[in-house]
Protein backbone atom coordinates (compact mmCIF):
# COMPACT_ATOMS: atom_id res chain seq x y z
CA UNK A 1 18.02 2.79 -10.07
CA UNK A 2 19.65 5.18 -12.50
CA UNK A 3 19.86 8.64 -10.94
CA UNK A 4 19.22 10.27 -14.32
CA UNK A 5 15.55 9.24 -14.24
CA UNK A 6 14.95 9.53 -10.55
CA UNK A 7 14.39 13.08 -9.29
CA UNK A 8 15.00 13.95 -5.66
CA UNK A 9 12.05 13.03 -3.49
CA UNK A 10 10.79 10.56 -0.91
CA UNK A 11 8.61 7.55 -0.44
CA UNK A 12 5.52 7.47 1.76
CA UNK A 13 4.22 4.16 3.05
CA UNK A 14 0.91 4.51 4.86
CA UNK A 15 0.30 2.14 7.73
CA UNK A 16 3.97 1.16 7.93
CA UNK A 17 4.43 0.44 11.66
CA UNK A 18 4.14 -3.32 11.11
CA UNK A 19 3.38 -6.11 8.62
CA UNK A 20 3.48 -5.43 4.88
CA UNK A 21 3.94 -1.69 5.45
CA UNK A 22 6.96 -2.14 7.65
CA UNK A 23 8.54 -4.59 5.29
CA UNK A 24 7.89 -2.19 2.37
CA UNK A 25 9.44 0.76 4.19
CA UNK A 26 12.59 -1.31 4.80
CA UNK A 27 12.72 -2.48 1.20
CA UNK A 28 12.34 1.01 -0.27
CA UNK A 29 14.91 2.44 2.13
CA UNK A 30 17.35 -0.23 0.96
CA UNK A 31 16.90 1.13 -2.57
CA UNK A 32 17.94 4.59 -1.38
CA UNK A 33 14.60 6.26 -0.82
CA UNK A 34 14.07 8.49 2.16
CA UNK A 35 10.96 6.91 3.65
CA UNK A 36 8.10 8.50 5.55
CA UNK A 37 6.96 5.90 8.04
CA UNK A 38 3.30 6.47 8.83
CA UNK A 39 1.32 5.20 11.79
CA UNK A 40 -2.06 5.96 13.35
CA UNK A 41 -1.61 4.62 16.89
CA UNK A 42 1.34 2.21 17.00
CA UNK A 43 4.11 4.73 17.66
CA UNK A 44 6.45 2.15 19.15
CA UNK A 45 6.18 -0.08 16.09
CA UNK A 46 6.84 2.84 13.77
CA UNK A 47 9.86 4.01 15.78
CA UNK A 48 11.20 0.48 15.54
CA UNK A 49 10.90 0.56 11.75
CA UNK A 50 12.70 3.91 11.57
CA UNK A 51 15.46 2.58 13.82
CA UNK A 52 15.92 -0.53 11.61
CA UNK A 53 16.17 1.65 8.51
CA UNK A 54 18.73 3.94 10.11
CA UNK A 55 20.72 0.96 11.39
CA UNK A 56 21.07 -0.19 7.82
CA UNK A 57 22.31 3.24 6.72
CA UNK A 58 18.99 4.45 5.34
CA UNK A 59 16.92 7.53 5.99
CA UNK A 60 13.44 7.58 7.50
CA UNK A 61 11.13 9.96 9.29
CA UNK A 62 8.19 9.34 11.60
CA UNK A 63 4.76 10.59 10.48
CA UNK A 64 1.69 10.16 12.63
CA UNK A 65 -1.67 10.49 10.90
CA UNK A 66 -4.97 8.79 10.39
CA UNK A 67 -5.55 8.19 6.70
CA UNK A 68 -9.28 8.27 7.26
CA UNK A 69 -8.92 12.02 8.01
CA UNK A 70 -8.59 14.26 4.97
CA UNK A 71 -6.49 16.80 6.86
CA UNK A 72 -4.04 14.16 8.01
CA UNK A 73 -3.62 12.83 4.41
CA UNK A 74 -2.92 16.36 3.15
CA UNK A 75 -0.22 16.75 5.83
CA UNK A 76 1.38 13.37 5.11
CA UNK A 77 1.90 14.11 1.42
CA UNK A 78 3.12 17.68 1.69
CA UNK A 79 6.63 18.29 0.37
CA UNK A 80 9.19 18.66 3.12
CA UNK A 81 12.94 18.59 3.75
CA UNK A 82 12.90 15.17 2.09
CA UNK A 83 11.35 16.63 -1.06
CA UNK A 84 8.03 15.71 -2.72
CA UNK A 85 6.46 12.30 -2.40
CA UNK A 86 7.52 10.44 -5.57
CA UNK A 87 6.71 6.94 -4.35
CA UNK A 88 3.31 6.47 -2.68
CA UNK A 89 2.37 3.13 -1.23
CA UNK A 90 -1.26 3.13 -0.11
CA UNK A 91 -0.99 0.27 2.35
CA UNK A 92 -3.07 1.28 5.40
CA UNK A 93 -6.07 -0.97 5.66
CA UNK A 94 -8.90 -2.04 7.97
CA UNK A 95 -11.23 -5.02 8.29
CA UNK A 96 -14.60 -4.98 10.03
CA UNK A 97 -16.00 -8.33 8.95
CA UNK A 98 -19.59 -9.53 9.03
CA UNK A 99 -22.19 -11.04 6.76
CA UNK A 100 -23.91 -8.47 4.59
CA UNK A 101 -27.31 -8.53 6.38
CA UNK A 102 -25.59 -7.71 9.66
CA UNK A 103 -23.14 -5.05 8.47
CA UNK A 104 -23.96 -1.58 9.81
CA UNK A 105 -23.63 1.64 7.88
CA UNK A 106 -20.72 2.56 10.13
CA UNK A 107 -18.89 -0.72 9.40
CA UNK A 108 -19.37 -0.20 5.74
CA UNK A 109 -18.34 3.44 5.60
CA UNK A 110 -15.36 3.11 7.92
CA UNK A 111 -13.78 0.40 5.82
CA UNK A 112 -14.46 2.26 2.55
CA UNK A 113 -12.93 5.45 4.07
CA UNK A 114 -9.73 3.77 5.25
CA UNK A 115 -9.13 1.34 2.39
CA UNK A 116 -10.34 3.26 -0.65
CA UNK A 117 -11.09 6.96 -0.02
CA UNK A 118 -7.70 7.52 1.69
CA UNK A 119 -5.89 6.11 -1.34
CA UNK A 120 -7.85 8.41 -3.64
CA UNK A 121 -7.05 11.47 -1.50
CA UNK A 122 -3.34 10.67 -1.21
CA UNK A 123 -3.00 9.85 -4.91
CA UNK A 124 -4.88 13.01 -5.95
CA UNK A 125 -2.53 15.07 -3.84
CA UNK A 126 0.75 13.61 -5.09
CA UNK A 127 0.03 13.24 -8.77
CA UNK A 128 0.53 16.91 -9.85
CA UNK A 129 4.10 16.91 -8.40
CA UNK A 130 4.88 13.49 -9.91
CA UNK A 131 3.66 14.62 -13.32
CA UNK A 132 5.78 17.81 -13.14
CA UNK A 133 8.77 15.69 -12.17
CA UNK A 134 8.03 13.23 -15.00
CA UNK A 135 8.53 10.47 -12.47
CA UNK A 136 6.20 8.86 -9.98
CA UNK A 137 5.18 5.52 -8.57
CA UNK A 138 1.80 4.82 -6.95
CA UNK A 139 1.37 1.32 -5.57
CA UNK A 140 -1.97 0.39 -4.01
CA UNK A 141 -2.17 -2.59 -1.64
CA UNK A 142 -5.38 -4.30 -2.63
CA UNK A 143 -6.27 -7.93 -1.80
CA UNK A 144 -7.37 -11.18 -3.39
CA UNK A 145 -10.68 -10.36 -1.63
CA UNK A 146 -11.10 -7.75 -4.39
CA UNK A 147 -10.81 -10.51 -7.00
CA UNK A 148 -12.70 -13.44 -5.52
CA UNK A 149 -15.61 -13.96 -3.17
CA UNK A 150 -14.88 -14.19 0.55
CA UNK A 151 -18.12 -14.42 2.51
CA UNK A 152 -18.23 -12.11 5.51
CA UNK A 153 -16.16 -9.38 3.87
CA UNK A 154 -18.58 -7.52 1.62
CA UNK A 155 -17.26 -4.09 2.78
CA UNK A 156 -13.61 -5.14 2.62
CA UNK A 157 -14.03 -6.82 -0.77
CA UNK A 158 -15.86 -3.76 -2.17
CA UNK A 159 -13.10 -1.47 -1.00
CA UNK A 160 -10.34 -3.58 -2.49
CA UNK A 161 -12.18 -4.18 -5.80
CA UNK A 162 -12.71 -0.42 -5.95
CA UNK A 163 -8.97 0.11 -5.34
CA UNK A 164 -8.13 -2.14 -8.28
CA UNK A 165 -10.52 -0.26 -10.60
CA UNK A 166 -9.14 3.03 -9.30
CA UNK A 167 -5.65 1.85 -10.05
CA UNK A 168 -6.40 0.98 -13.67
CA UNK A 169 -8.19 4.18 -14.43
CA UNK A 170 -5.60 6.52 -12.91
CA UNK A 171 -2.81 4.53 -14.61
CA UNK A 172 -4.34 5.30 -18.00
CA UNK A 173 -4.75 9.01 -17.09
CA UNK A 174 -1.15 9.68 -16.19
CA UNK A 175 0.86 7.10 -18.15
CA UNK A 176 2.23 9.65 -20.67
CA UNK A 177 3.76 11.71 -17.88
CA UNK A 178 6.19 9.08 -16.58
CA UNK A 179 3.98 8.08 -13.68
CA UNK A 180 2.99 4.45 -13.10
CA UNK A 181 0.03 3.30 -10.98
CA UNK A 182 -0.12 -0.35 -10.01
CA UNK A 183 -1.64 -2.60 -7.36
CA UNK A 184 -0.56 -5.68 -5.48
CA UNK A 185 -3.20 -8.12 -4.27
CA UNK A 186 -1.87 -10.12 -1.37
CA UNK A 187 -3.54 -13.35 -0.32
CA UNK A 188 -3.21 -14.74 3.18
CA UNK A 189 -0.11 -13.12 4.61
CA UNK A 190 1.28 -13.84 8.08
CA UNK A 191 0.60 -10.60 9.91
CA UNK A 192 -1.41 -9.43 12.93
CA UNK A 193 -4.04 -8.32 10.35
CA UNK A 194 -4.80 -11.93 9.36
CA UNK A 195 -4.22 -13.86 12.60
CA UNK A 196 -7.84 -14.89 12.78
CA UNK A 197 -7.91 -16.40 9.31
CA UNK A 198 -4.58 -18.25 9.19
CA UNK A 199 -6.17 -21.53 10.28
CA UNK A 200 -9.43 -21.07 8.44
CA UNK A 201 -10.81 -22.52 5.25
CA UNK A 202 -9.33 -19.73 3.20
CA UNK A 203 -5.79 -20.66 4.31
CA UNK A 204 -6.45 -24.33 3.58
CA UNK A 205 -7.35 -23.47 -0.02
CA UNK A 206 -3.92 -22.02 -0.94
CA UNK A 207 -2.31 -24.13 -3.71
CA UNK A 208 1.15 -23.33 -2.36
CA UNK A 209 0.11 -24.94 0.92
CA UNK A 210 1.51 -22.13 3.02
CA UNK A 211 0.79 -18.48 3.90
CA UNK A 212 2.93 -15.70 2.55
CA UNK A 213 5.26 -13.35 4.33
CA UNK A 214 5.24 -9.50 4.42
CA UNK A 215 8.67 -9.53 2.84
CA UNK A 216 7.31 -11.44 -0.20
CA UNK A 217 4.71 -8.74 -0.79
CA UNK A 218 7.26 -5.98 -0.15
CA UNK A 219 9.57 -7.46 -2.81
CA UNK A 220 6.81 -7.02 -5.36
CA UNK A 221 6.13 -3.46 -4.27
CA UNK A 222 9.87 -2.74 -4.42
CA UNK A 223 9.91 -3.88 -8.04
CA UNK A 224 6.91 -1.78 -9.00
CA UNK A 225 8.60 1.25 -7.42
CA UNK A 226 11.82 0.69 -9.38
CA UNK A 227 13.06 2.02 -12.71
CA UNK A 228 12.90 -1.52 -14.08
CA UNK A 229 9.12 -1.34 -13.77
CA UNK A 230 8.74 1.86 -15.75
CA UNK A 231 6.69 0.09 -18.47
CA UNK A 232 4.40 -1.64 -16.00
CA UNK A 233 1.28 0.33 -15.24
CA UNK A 234 -2.39 -0.38 -14.60
CA UNK A 235 -1.45 -3.87 -13.41
CA UNK A 236 -2.54 -5.88 -10.39
CA UNK A 237 0.13 -8.27 -9.25
CA UNK A 238 -1.32 -11.12 -7.12
CA UNK A 239 0.91 -12.35 -4.32
CA UNK A 240 -1.19 -15.20 -3.04
CA UNK A 241 0.39 -18.60 -3.56
CA UNK A 242 -2.09 -19.34 -6.33
CA UNK A 243 -5.22 -18.63 -4.27
CA UNK A 244 -6.85 -16.56 -7.05
CA UNK A 245 -5.63 -18.74 -9.92
């Protein structure tokens, strides 16, 4: 990435102690970003990600925080010794599945808070500094569940569909200031998050006849964070082996 169009700053990847978040942190560090590795409870996993980044010659710092808590989000995005957050990957996510008649208010609200409200709060906080720098990348990790029906996930699907709509609108608001806002929509990816669906009907419906890897999603996020993607904004890139085709 040409240094002339990349101000000094860091990348924050929420929920980056494992899975897609961990792979994304490693990919961004390989591109020269100082990465804030965020975790809520999996400290060992997050420390392992930091160690891997440092072993490859990169720079990373450990940031504990629950994205469902507004105060934690504010702390995670504050400028520090690594500069302001100029790449924000809203990756942290939660599933509390159940058919709509059985979903409780708590199951609904908790998923919305973690998957959607946290992305809004973090994005709102970093945008002013990105706009002043005339450079910024916001990448929201949505899901094919936000694009197609998946019975038993009304709360999850609503949060991810909302994230896609949020992405498009904010992209249009800030495009003239050198800030891009995009989403990736992974399908069935081999992580601890999807262990219970890997052998289900959804997995069997994938045209590619296999599940994806965290690294394949991270590669797309890496592109969207790059200078080469400076004219890509408001887009949702599906990474799903054709599941949503």
